Amino acid sequence: MKPAGVVRKVDQLGRIVLPKSLRKRYQMNEGDPVEILVSGDHIILERYRPKCVFCGSMDGVSEYRERHVCTQCLGEMKLIVNR
């Protein structure tokens, strides 16, 4: 992980402003969901991408009844139902 060389202060509400150059570089727009991850003593911000509730894949994910499921798991479920 390469440091960006930018220092920001946390405000009274715990907010941090991401510089416009970083938001543009990582295609982060106002209102976009951001995932907050913790790894050891590091806090990592990532653009949120839904993951399949069954296998954790981020490829071919669609929403069904407020849950995210990938095409591969959907196919496997169809096989089970058609038995």
PDB file of N, CA and C in Angstrom:
ATOM      1  N   MET A   1       0.849  -1.171   0.000  1.00  0.00           N
ATOM      2  CA  MET A   1       0.000   0.000   0.000  1.00  0.00           C
ATOM      3  C   MET A   1       0.892   1.231   0.000  1.00  0.00           C
ATOM      4  N   LYS A   2       0.728   2.070  -1.004  1.00  0.00           N
ATOM      5  CA  LYS A   2       1.558   3.269  -1.157  1.00  0.00           C
ATOM      6  C   LYS A   2       0.884   4.456  -0.470  1.00  0.00           C
ATOM      7  N   PRO A   3       1.599   5.161   0.418  1.00  0.00           N
ATOM      8  CA  PRO A   3       1.013   6.332   1.064  1.00  0.00           C
ATOM      9  C   PRO A   3       0.746   7.445   0.057  1.00  0.00           C
ATOM     10  N   ALA A   4      -0.363   8.167   0.277  1.00  0.00           N
ATOM     11  CA  ALA A   4      -0.732   9.252  -0.633  1.00  0.00           C
ATOM     12  C   ALA A   4      -0.015  10.554  -0.277  1.00  0.00           C
ATOM     13  N   GLY A   5       0.568  10.662   0.918  1.00  0.00           N
ATOM     14  CA  GLY A   5       1.272  11.868   1.311  1.00  0.00           C
ATOM     15  C   GLY A   5       0.350  13.006   1.692  1.00  0.00           C
ATOM     16  N   VAL A   6      -0.901  12.694   2.084  1.00  0.00           N
ATOM     17  CA  VAL A   6      -1.876  13.709   2.452  1.00  0.00           C
ATOM     18  C   VAL A   6      -2.246  13.502   3.913  1.00  0.00           C
ATOM     19  N   VAL A   7      -2.256  14.597   4.682  1.00  0.00           N
ATOM     20  CA  VAL A   7      -2.639  14.522   6.092  1.00  0.00           C
ATOM     21  C   VAL A   7      -3.921  15.305   6.279  1.00  0.00           C
ATOM     22  N   ARG A   8      -4.901  14.718   6.929  1.00  0.00           N
ATOM     23  CA  ARG A   8      -6.171  15.380   7.226  1.00  0.00           C
ATOM     24  C   ARG A   8      -6.481  15.169   8.702  1.00  0.00           C
ATOM     25  N   LYS A   9      -7.175  16.122   9.296  1.00  0.00           N
ATOM     26  CA  LYS A   9      -7.607  16.006  10.694  1.00  0.00           C
ATOM     27  C   LYS A   9      -9.027  15.471  10.743  1.00  0.00           C
ATOM     28  N   VAL A  10      -9.311  14.714  11.783  1.00  0.00           N
ATOM     29  CA  VAL A  10     -10.658  14.217  12.028  1.00  0.00           C
ATOM     30  C   VAL A  10     -11.425  15.328  12.725  1.00  0.00           C
ATOM     31  N   ASP A  11     -12.653  15.641  12.231  1.00  0.00           N
ATOM     32  CA  ASP A  11     -13.420  16.717  12.875  1.00  0.00           C
ATOM     33  C   ASP A  11     -14.193  16.186  14.083  1.00  0.00           C
ATOM     34  N   GLN A  12     -14.983  17.056  14.710  1.00  0.00           N
ATOM     35  CA  GLN A  12     -15.715  16.708  15.941  1.00  0.00           C
ATOM     36  C   GLN A  12     -16.677  15.541  15.750  1.00  0.00           C
ATOM     37  N   LEU A  13     -17.175  15.352  14.530  1.00  0.00           N
ATOM     38  CA  LEU A  13     -18.122  14.268  14.250  1.00  0.00           C
ATOM     39  C   LEU A  13     -17.434  13.019  13.712  1.00  0.00           C
ATOM     40  N   GLY A  14     -16.101  13.007  13.699  1.00  0.00           N
ATOM     41  CA  GLY A  14     -15.354  11.846  13.238  1.00  0.00           C
ATOM     42  C   GLY A  14     -15.174  11.782  11.738  1.00  0.00           C
ATOM     43  N   ARG A  15     -15.447  12.886  11.040  1.00  0.00           N
ATOM     44  CA  ARG A  15     -15.348  12.899   9.583  1.00  0.00           C
ATOM     45  C   ARG A  15     -13.947  13.283   9.117  1.00  0.00           C
ATOM     46  N   ILE A  16     -13.595  12.751   7.953  1.00  0.00           N
ATOM     47  CA  ILE A  16     -12.343  13.092   7.291  1.00  0.00           C
ATOM     48  C   ILE A  16     -12.697  13.454   5.852  1.00  0.00           C
ATOM     49  N   VAL A  17     -12.171  14.548   5.345  1.00  0.00           N
ATOM     50  CA  VAL A  17     -12.417  14.945   3.963  1.00  0.00           C
ATOM     51  C   VAL A  17     -11.348  14.308   3.080  1.00  0.00           C
ATOM     52  N   LEU A  18     -11.797  13.557   2.067  1.00  0.00           N
ATOM     53  CA  LEU A  18     -10.867  12.980   1.102  1.00  0.00           C
ATOM     54  C   LEU A  18     -10.566  14.042   0.034  1.00  0.00           C
ATOM     55  N   PRO A  19      -9.310  14.257  -0.271  1.00  0.00           N
ATOM     56  CA  PRO A  19      -8.972  15.259  -1.284  1.00  0.00           C
ATOM     57  C   PRO A  19      -9.639  14.947  -2.627  1.00  0.00           C
ATOM     58  N   LYS A  20      -9.999  16.007  -3.346  1.00  0.00           N
ATOM     59  CA  LYS A  20     -10.673  15.860  -4.634  1.00  0.00           C
ATOM     60  C   LYS A  20      -9.852  15.002  -5.594  1.00  0.00           C
ATOM     61  N   SER A  21      -8.526  15.157  -5.570  1.00  0.00           N
ATOM     62  CA  SER A  21      -7.671  14.387  -6.482  1.00  0.00           C
ATOM     63  C   SER A  21      -7.804  12.878  -6.224  1.00  0.00           C
ATOM     64  N   LEU A  22      -7.919  12.482  -4.953  1.00  0.00           N
ATOM     65  CA  LEU A  22      -8.097  11.056  -4.633  1.00  0.00           C
ATOM     66  C   LEU A  22      -9.489  10.570  -5.025  1.00  0.00           C
ATOM     67  N   ARG A  23     -10.510  11.400  -4.748  1.00  0.00           N
ATOM     68  CA  ARG A  23     -11.875  11.010  -5.125  1.00  0.00           C
ATOM     69  C   ARG A  23     -11.976  10.830  -6.628  1.00  0.00           C
ATOM     70  N   LYS A  24     -11.339  11.726  -7.374  1.00  0.00           N
ATOM     71  CA  LYS A  24     -11.375  11.635  -8.839  1.00  0.00           C
ATOM     72  C   LYS A  24     -10.603  10.399  -9.315  1.00  0.00           C
ATOM     73  N   ARG A  25      -9.437  10.197  -8.750  1.00  0.00           N
ATOM     74  CA  ARG A  25      -8.570   9.068  -9.136  1.00  0.00           C
ATOM     75  C   ARG A  25      -9.260   7.725  -8.919  1.00  0.00           C
ATOM     76  N   TYR A  26     -10.016   7.605  -7.819  1.00  0.00           N
ATOM     77  CA  TYR A  26     -10.665   6.339  -7.475  1.00  0.00           C
ATOM     78  C   TYR A  26     -12.161   6.350  -7.779  1.00  0.00           C
ATOM     79  N   GLN A  27     -12.586   7.325  -8.597  1.00  0.00           N
ATOM     80  CA  GLN A  27     -13.970   7.426  -9.061  1.00  0.00           C
ATOM     81  C   GLN A  27     -14.979   7.344  -7.909  1.00  0.00           C
ATOM     82  N   MET A  28     -14.745   8.163  -6.890  1.00  0.00           N
ATOM     83  CA  MET A  28     -15.636   8.232  -5.737  1.00  0.00           C
ATOM     84  C   MET A  28     -16.425   9.535  -5.830  1.00  0.00           C
ATOM     85  N   ASN A  29     -17.749   9.422  -5.901  1.00  0.00           N
ATOM     86  CA  ASN A  29     -18.611  10.588  -6.023  1.00  0.00           C
ATOM     87  C   ASN A  29     -19.448  10.775  -4.772  1.00  0.00           C
ATOM     88  N   GLU A  30     -20.000  11.956  -4.617  1.00  0.00           N
ATOM     89  CA  GLU A  30     -20.862  12.250  -3.478  1.00  0.00           C
ATOM     90  C   GLU A  30     -21.995  11.231  -3.422  1.00  0.00           C
ATOM     91  N   GLY A  31     -22.208  10.657  -2.260  1.00  0.00           N
ATOM     92  CA  GLY A  31     -23.284   9.694  -2.074  1.00  0.00           C
ATOM     93  C   GLY A  31     -22.886   8.249  -2.337  1.00  0.00           C
ATOM     94  N   ASP A  32     -21.691   8.011  -2.893  1.00  0.00           N
ATOM     95  CA  ASP A  32     -21.243   6.637  -3.138  1.00  0.00           C
ATOM     96  C   ASP A  32     -20.978   5.923  -1.816  1.00  0.00           C
ATOM     97  N   PRO A  33     -21.345   4.645  -1.725  1.00  0.00           N
ATOM     98  CA  PRO A  33     -21.051   3.898  -0.497  1.00  0.00           C
ATOM     99  C   PRO A  33     -19.555   3.581  -0.404  1.00  0.00           C
ATOM    100  N   VAL A  34     -19.024   3.663   0.806  1.00  0.00           N
ATOM    101  CA  VAL A  34     -17.618   3.375   1.074  1.00  0.00           C
ATOM    102  C   VAL A  34     -17.568   2.322   2.172  1.00  0.00           C
ATOM    103  N   GLU A  35     -16.746   1.299   1.959  1.00  0.00           N
ATOM    104  CA  GLU A  35     -16.588   0.241   2.958  1.00  0.00           C
ATOM    105  C   GLU A  35     -15.368   0.556   3.814  1.00  0.00           C
ATOM    106  N   ILE A  36     -15.496   0.389   5.125  1.00  0.00           N
ATOM    107  CA  ILE A  36     -14.398   0.648   6.056  1.00  0.00           C
ATOM    108  C   ILE A  36     -13.912  -0.697   6.574  1.00  0.00           C
ATOM    109  N   LEU A  37     -12.653  -1.015   6.276  1.00  0.00           N
ATOM    110  CA  LEU A  37     -12.059  -2.286   6.674  1.00  0.00           C
ATOM    111  C   LEU A  37     -10.936  -2.030   7.671  1.00  0.00           C
ATOM    112  N   VAL A  38     -10.666  -3.002   8.521  1.00  0.00           N
ATOM    113  CA  VAL A  38      -9.574  -2.907   9.483  1.00  0.00           C
ATOM    114  C   VAL A  38      -8.643  -4.087   9.260  1.00  0.00           C
ATOM    115  N   SER A  39      -7.360  -3.801   9.123  1.00  0.00           N
ATOM    116  CA  SER A  39      -6.344  -4.830   8.962  1.00  0.00           C
ATOM    117  C   SER A  39      -5.207  -4.507   9.920  1.00  0.00           C
ATOM    118  N   GLY A  40      -5.133  -5.262  10.999  1.00  0.00           N
ATOM    119  CA  GLY A  40      -4.131  -4.960  12.023  1.00  0.00           C
ATOM    120  C   GLY A  40      -4.396  -3.592  12.606  1.00  0.00           C
ATOM    121  N   ASP A  41      -3.417  -2.693  12.496  1.00  0.00           N
ATOM    122  CA  ASP A  41      -3.615  -1.332  13.007  1.00  0.00           C
ATOM    123  C   ASP A  41      -3.860  -0.334  11.876  1.00  0.00           C
ATOM    124  N   HIS A  42      -4.312  -0.839  10.705  1.00  0.00           N
ATOM    125  CA  HIS A  42      -4.613   0.017   9.556  1.00  0.00           C
ATOM    126  C   HIS A  42      -6.116   0.089   9.316  1.00  0.00           C
ATOM    127  N   ILE A  43      -6.592   1.266   8.971  1.00  0.00           N
ATOM    128  CA  ILE A  43      -7.979   1.468   8.552  1.00  0.00           C
ATOM    129  C   ILE A  43      -7.941   1.674   7.044  1.00  0.00           C
ATOM    130  N   ILE A  44      -8.732   0.881   6.325  1.00  0.00           N
ATOM    131  CA  ILE A  44      -8.719   0.912   4.867  1.00  0.00           C
ATOM    132  C   ILE A  44     -10.092   1.329   4.361  1.00  0.00           C
ATOM    133  N   LEU A  45     -10.121   2.313   3.468  1.00  0.00           N
ATOM    134  CA  LEU A  45     -11.363   2.739   2.833  1.00  0.00           C
ATOM    135  C   LEU A  45     -11.387   2.183   1.420  1.00  0.00           C
ATOM    136  N   GLU A  46     -12.516   1.581   1.034  1.00  0.00           N
ATOM    137  CA  GLU A  46     -12.678   1.058  -0.322  1.00  0.00           C
ATOM    138  C   GLU A  46     -14.037   1.463  -0.849  1.00  0.00           C
ATOM    139  N   ARG A  47     -14.112   1.659  -2.169  1.00  0.00           N
ATOM    140  CA  ARG A  47     -15.430   1.837  -2.765  1.00  0.00           C
ATOM    141  C   ARG A  47     -16.181   0.541  -2.510  1.00  0.00           C
ATOM    142  N   TYR A  48     -17.415   0.651  -2.065  1.00  0.00           N
ATOM    143  CA  TYR A  48     -18.202  -0.538  -1.745  1.00  0.00           C
ATOM    144  C   TYR A  48     -18.628  -1.251  -3.013  1.00  0.00           C
ATOM    145  N   ARG A  49     -18.380  -2.532  -3.073  1.00  0.00           N
ATOM    146  CA  ARG A  49     -18.873  -3.395  -4.140  1.00  0.00           C
ATOM    147  C   ARG A  49     -19.560  -4.576  -3.457  1.00  0.00           C
ATOM    148  N   PRO A  50     -20.825  -4.818  -3.794  1.00  0.00           N
ATOM    149  CA  PRO A  50     -21.537  -5.918  -3.136  1.00  0.00           C
ATOM    150  C   PRO A  50     -20.889  -7.267  -3.423  1.00  0.00           C
ATOM    151  N   LYS A  51     -20.917  -8.138  -2.424  1.00  0.00           N
ATOM    152  CA  LYS A  51     -20.354  -9.484  -2.529  1.00  0.00           C
ATOM    153  C   LYS A  51     -21.476 -10.505  -2.389  1.00  0.00           C
ATOM    154  N   CYS A  52     -21.321 -11.635  -3.033  1.00  0.00           N
ATOM    155  CA  CYS A  52     -22.290 -12.730  -2.937  1.00  0.00           C
ATOM    156  C   CYS A  52     -22.363 -13.221  -1.493  1.00  0.00           C
ATOM    157  N   VAL A  53     -23.577 -13.377  -0.978  1.00  0.00           N
ATOM    158  CA  VAL A  53     -23.746 -13.815   0.410  1.00  0.00           C
ATOM    159  C   VAL A  53     -23.292 -15.257   0.610  1.00  0.00           C
ATOM    160  N   PHE A  54     -23.189 -16.027  -0.469  1.00  0.00           N
ATOM    161  CA  PHE A  54     -22.818 -17.436  -0.343  1.00  0.00           C
ATOM    162  C   PHE A  54     -21.317 -17.675  -0.513  1.00  0.00           C
ATOM    163  N   CYS A  55     -20.723 -17.106  -1.569  1.00  0.00           N
ATOM    164  CA  CYS A  55     -19.323 -17.417  -1.855  1.00  0.00           C
ATOM    165  C   CYS A  55     -18.379 -16.222  -1.706  1.00  0.00           C
ATOM    166  N   GLY A  56     -18.929 -15.018  -1.561  1.00  0.00           N
ATOM    167  CA  GLY A  56     -18.092 -13.832  -1.397  1.00  0.00           C
ATOM    168  C   GLY A  56     -17.580 -13.234  -2.694  1.00  0.00           C
ATOM    169  N   SER A  57     -17.962 -13.799  -3.841  1.00  0.00           N
ATOM    170  CA  SER A  57     -17.527 -13.278  -5.137  1.00  0.00           C
ATOM    171  C   SER A  57     -18.117 -11.892  -5.385  1.00  0.00           C
ATOM    172  N   MET A  58     -17.364 -11.057  -6.120  1.00  0.00           N
ATOM    173  CA  MET A  58     -17.862  -9.732  -6.504  1.00  0.00           C
ATOM    174  C   MET A  58     -18.208  -9.695  -7.995  1.00  0.00           C
ATOM    175  N   ASP A  59     -18.078 -10.832  -8.677  1.00  0.00           N
ATOM    176  CA  ASP A  59     -18.336 -10.904 -10.113  1.00  0.00           C
ATOM    177  C   ASP A  59     -19.768 -11.338 -10.391  1.00  0.00           C
ATOM    178  N   GLY A  60     -20.451 -10.628 -11.264  1.00  0.00           N
ATOM    179  CA  GLY A  60     -21.794 -11.007 -11.687  1.00  0.00           C
ATOM    180  C   GLY A  60     -22.809 -11.023 -10.564  1.00  0.00           C
ATOM    181  N   VAL A  61     -22.702 -10.076  -9.639  1.00  0.00           N
ATOM    182  CA  VAL A  61     -23.580 -10.038  -8.464  1.00  0.00           C
ATOM    183  C   VAL A  61     -24.842  -9.234  -8.785  1.00  0.00           C
ATOM    184  N   SER A  62     -25.993  -9.803  -8.434  1.00  0.00           N
ATOM    185  CA  SER A  62     -27.254  -9.082  -8.557  1.00  0.00           C
ATOM    186  C   SER A  62     -28.005  -9.196  -7.230  1.00  0.00           C
ATOM    187  N   GLU A  63     -29.000  -8.341  -7.063  1.00  0.00           N
ATOM    188  CA  GLU A  63     -29.735  -8.301  -5.803  1.00  0.00           C
ATOM    189  C   GLU A  63     -31.033  -9.099  -5.920  1.00  0.00           C
ATOM    190  N   TYR A  64     -31.300  -9.928  -4.923  1.00  0.00           N
ATOM    191  CA  TYR A  64     -32.535 -10.692  -4.854  1.00  0.00           C
ATOM    192  C   TYR A  64     -33.037 -10.650  -3.418  1.00  0.00           C
ATOM    193  N   ARG A  65     -34.212 -10.088  -3.238  1.00  0.00           N
ATOM    194  CA  ARG A  65     -34.810  -9.952  -1.895  1.00  0.00           C
ATOM    195  C   ARG A  65     -33.838  -9.352  -0.882  1.00  0.00           C
ATOM    196  N   GLU A  66     -33.240  -8.240  -1.283  1.00  0.00           N
ATOM    197  CA  GLU A  66     -32.318  -7.467  -0.451  1.00  0.00           C
ATOM    198  C   GLU A  66     -31.036  -8.217  -0.084  1.00  0.00           C
ATOM    199  N   ARG A  67     -30.706  -9.244  -0.861  1.00  0.00           N
ATOM    200  CA  ARG A  67     -29.457 -10.000  -0.676  1.00  0.00           C
ATOM    201  C   ARG A  67     -28.721 -10.006  -2.008  1.00  0.00           C
ATOM    202  N   HIS A  68     -27.406 -10.061  -1.957  1.00  0.00           N
ATOM    203  CA  HIS A  68     -26.598 -10.083  -3.168  1.00  0.00           C
ATOM    204  C   HIS A  68     -26.155 -11.514  -3.448  1.00  0.00           C
ATOM    205  N   VAL A  69     -26.412 -11.973  -4.692  1.00  0.00           N
ATOM    206  CA  VAL A  69     -26.085 -13.345  -5.093  1.00  0.00           C
ATOM    207  C   VAL A  69     -25.416 -13.295  -6.470  1.00  0.00           C
ATOM    208  N   CYS A  70     -24.333 -14.075  -6.649  1.00  0.00           N
ATOM    209  CA  CYS A  70     -23.639 -14.099  -7.939  1.00  0.00           C
ATOM    210  C   CYS A  70     -24.311 -15.095  -8.881  1.00  0.00           C
ATOM    211  N   THR A  71     -23.997 -14.966 -10.164  1.00  0.00           N
ATOM    212  CA  THR A  71     -24.613 -15.824 -11.181  1.00  0.00           C
ATOM    213  C   THR A  71     -24.263 -17.291 -10.974  1.00  0.00           C
ATOM    214  N   GLN A  72     -23.057 -17.580 -10.538  1.00  0.00           N
ATOM    215  CA  GLN A  72     -22.663 -18.977 -10.322  1.00  0.00           C
ATOM    216  C   GLN A  72     -23.504 -19.610  -9.211  1.00  0.00           C
ATOM    217  N   CYS A  73     -23.680 -18.917  -8.102  1.00  0.00           N
ATOM    218  CA  CYS A  73     -24.491 -19.460  -7.008  1.00  0.00           C
ATOM    219  C   CYS A  73     -25.958 -19.562  -7.416  1.00  0.00           C
ATOM    220  N   LEU A  74     -26.448 -18.593  -8.203  1.00  0.00           N
ATOM    221  CA  LEU A  74     -27.821 -18.677  -8.705  1.00  0.00           C
ATOM    222  C   LEU A  74     -27.999 -19.932  -9.548  1.00  0.00           C
ATOM    223  N   GLY A  75     -27.015 -20.222 -10.400  1.00  0.00           N
ATOM    224  CA  GLY A  75     -27.064 -21.423 -11.228  1.00  0.00           C
ATOM    225  C   GLY A  75     -27.087 -22.685 -10.397  1.00  0.00           C
ATOM    226  N   GLU A  76     -26.272 -22.724  -9.352  1.00  0.00           N
ATOM    227  CA  GLU A  76     -26.242 -23.888  -8.465  1.00  0.00           C
ATOM    228  C   GLU A  76     -27.567 -24.058  -7.739  1.00  0.00           C
ATOM    229  N   MET A  77     -28.197 -22.943  -7.340  1.00  0.00           N
ATOM    230  CA  MET A  77     -29.495 -23.028  -6.659  1.00  0.00           C
ATOM    231  C   MET A  77     -30.569 -23.545  -7.613  1.00  0.00           C
ATOM    232  N   LYS A  78     -30.506 -23.138  -8.885  1.00  0.00           N
ATOM    233  CA  LYS A  78     -31.471 -23.626  -9.870  1.00  0.00           C
ATOM    234  C   LYS A  78     -31.360 -25.139 -10.032  1.00  0.00           C
ATOM    235  N   LEU A  79     -30.122 -25.655 -10.015  1.00  0.00           N
ATOM    236  CA  LEU A  79     -29.921 -27.101 -10.123  1.00  0.00           C
ATOM    237  C   LEU A  79     -30.561 -27.841  -8.944  1.00  0.00           C
ATOM    238  N   ILE A  80     -30.435 -27.284  -7.766  1.00  0.00           N
ATOM    239  CA  ILE A  80     -31.013 -27.893  -6.560  1.00  0.00           C
ATOM    240  C   ILE A  80     -32.527 -27.898  -6.656  1.00  0.00           C
ATOM    241  N   VAL A  81     -33.115 -26.788  -7.085  1.00  0.00           N
ATOM    242  CA  VAL A  81     -34.567 -26.654  -7.179  1.00  0.00           C
ATOM    243  C   VAL A  81     -35.134 -27.601  -8.238  1.00  0.00           C
ATOM    244  N   ASN A  82     -34.398 -27.814  -9.337  1.00  0.00           N
ATOM    245  CA  ASN A  82     -34.887 -28.636 -10.441  1.00  0.00           C
ATOM    246  C   ASN A  82     -34.683 -30.126 -10.228  1.00  0.00           C
ATOM    247  N   ARG A  83     -34.190 -30.550  -9.109  1.00  0.00           N
ATOM    248  CA  ARG A  83     -33.983 -31.987  -8.829  1.00  0.00           C
ATOM    249  C   ARG A  83     -35.271 -32.703  -8.625  1.00  0.00           C
TER     250      ARG A  83
END
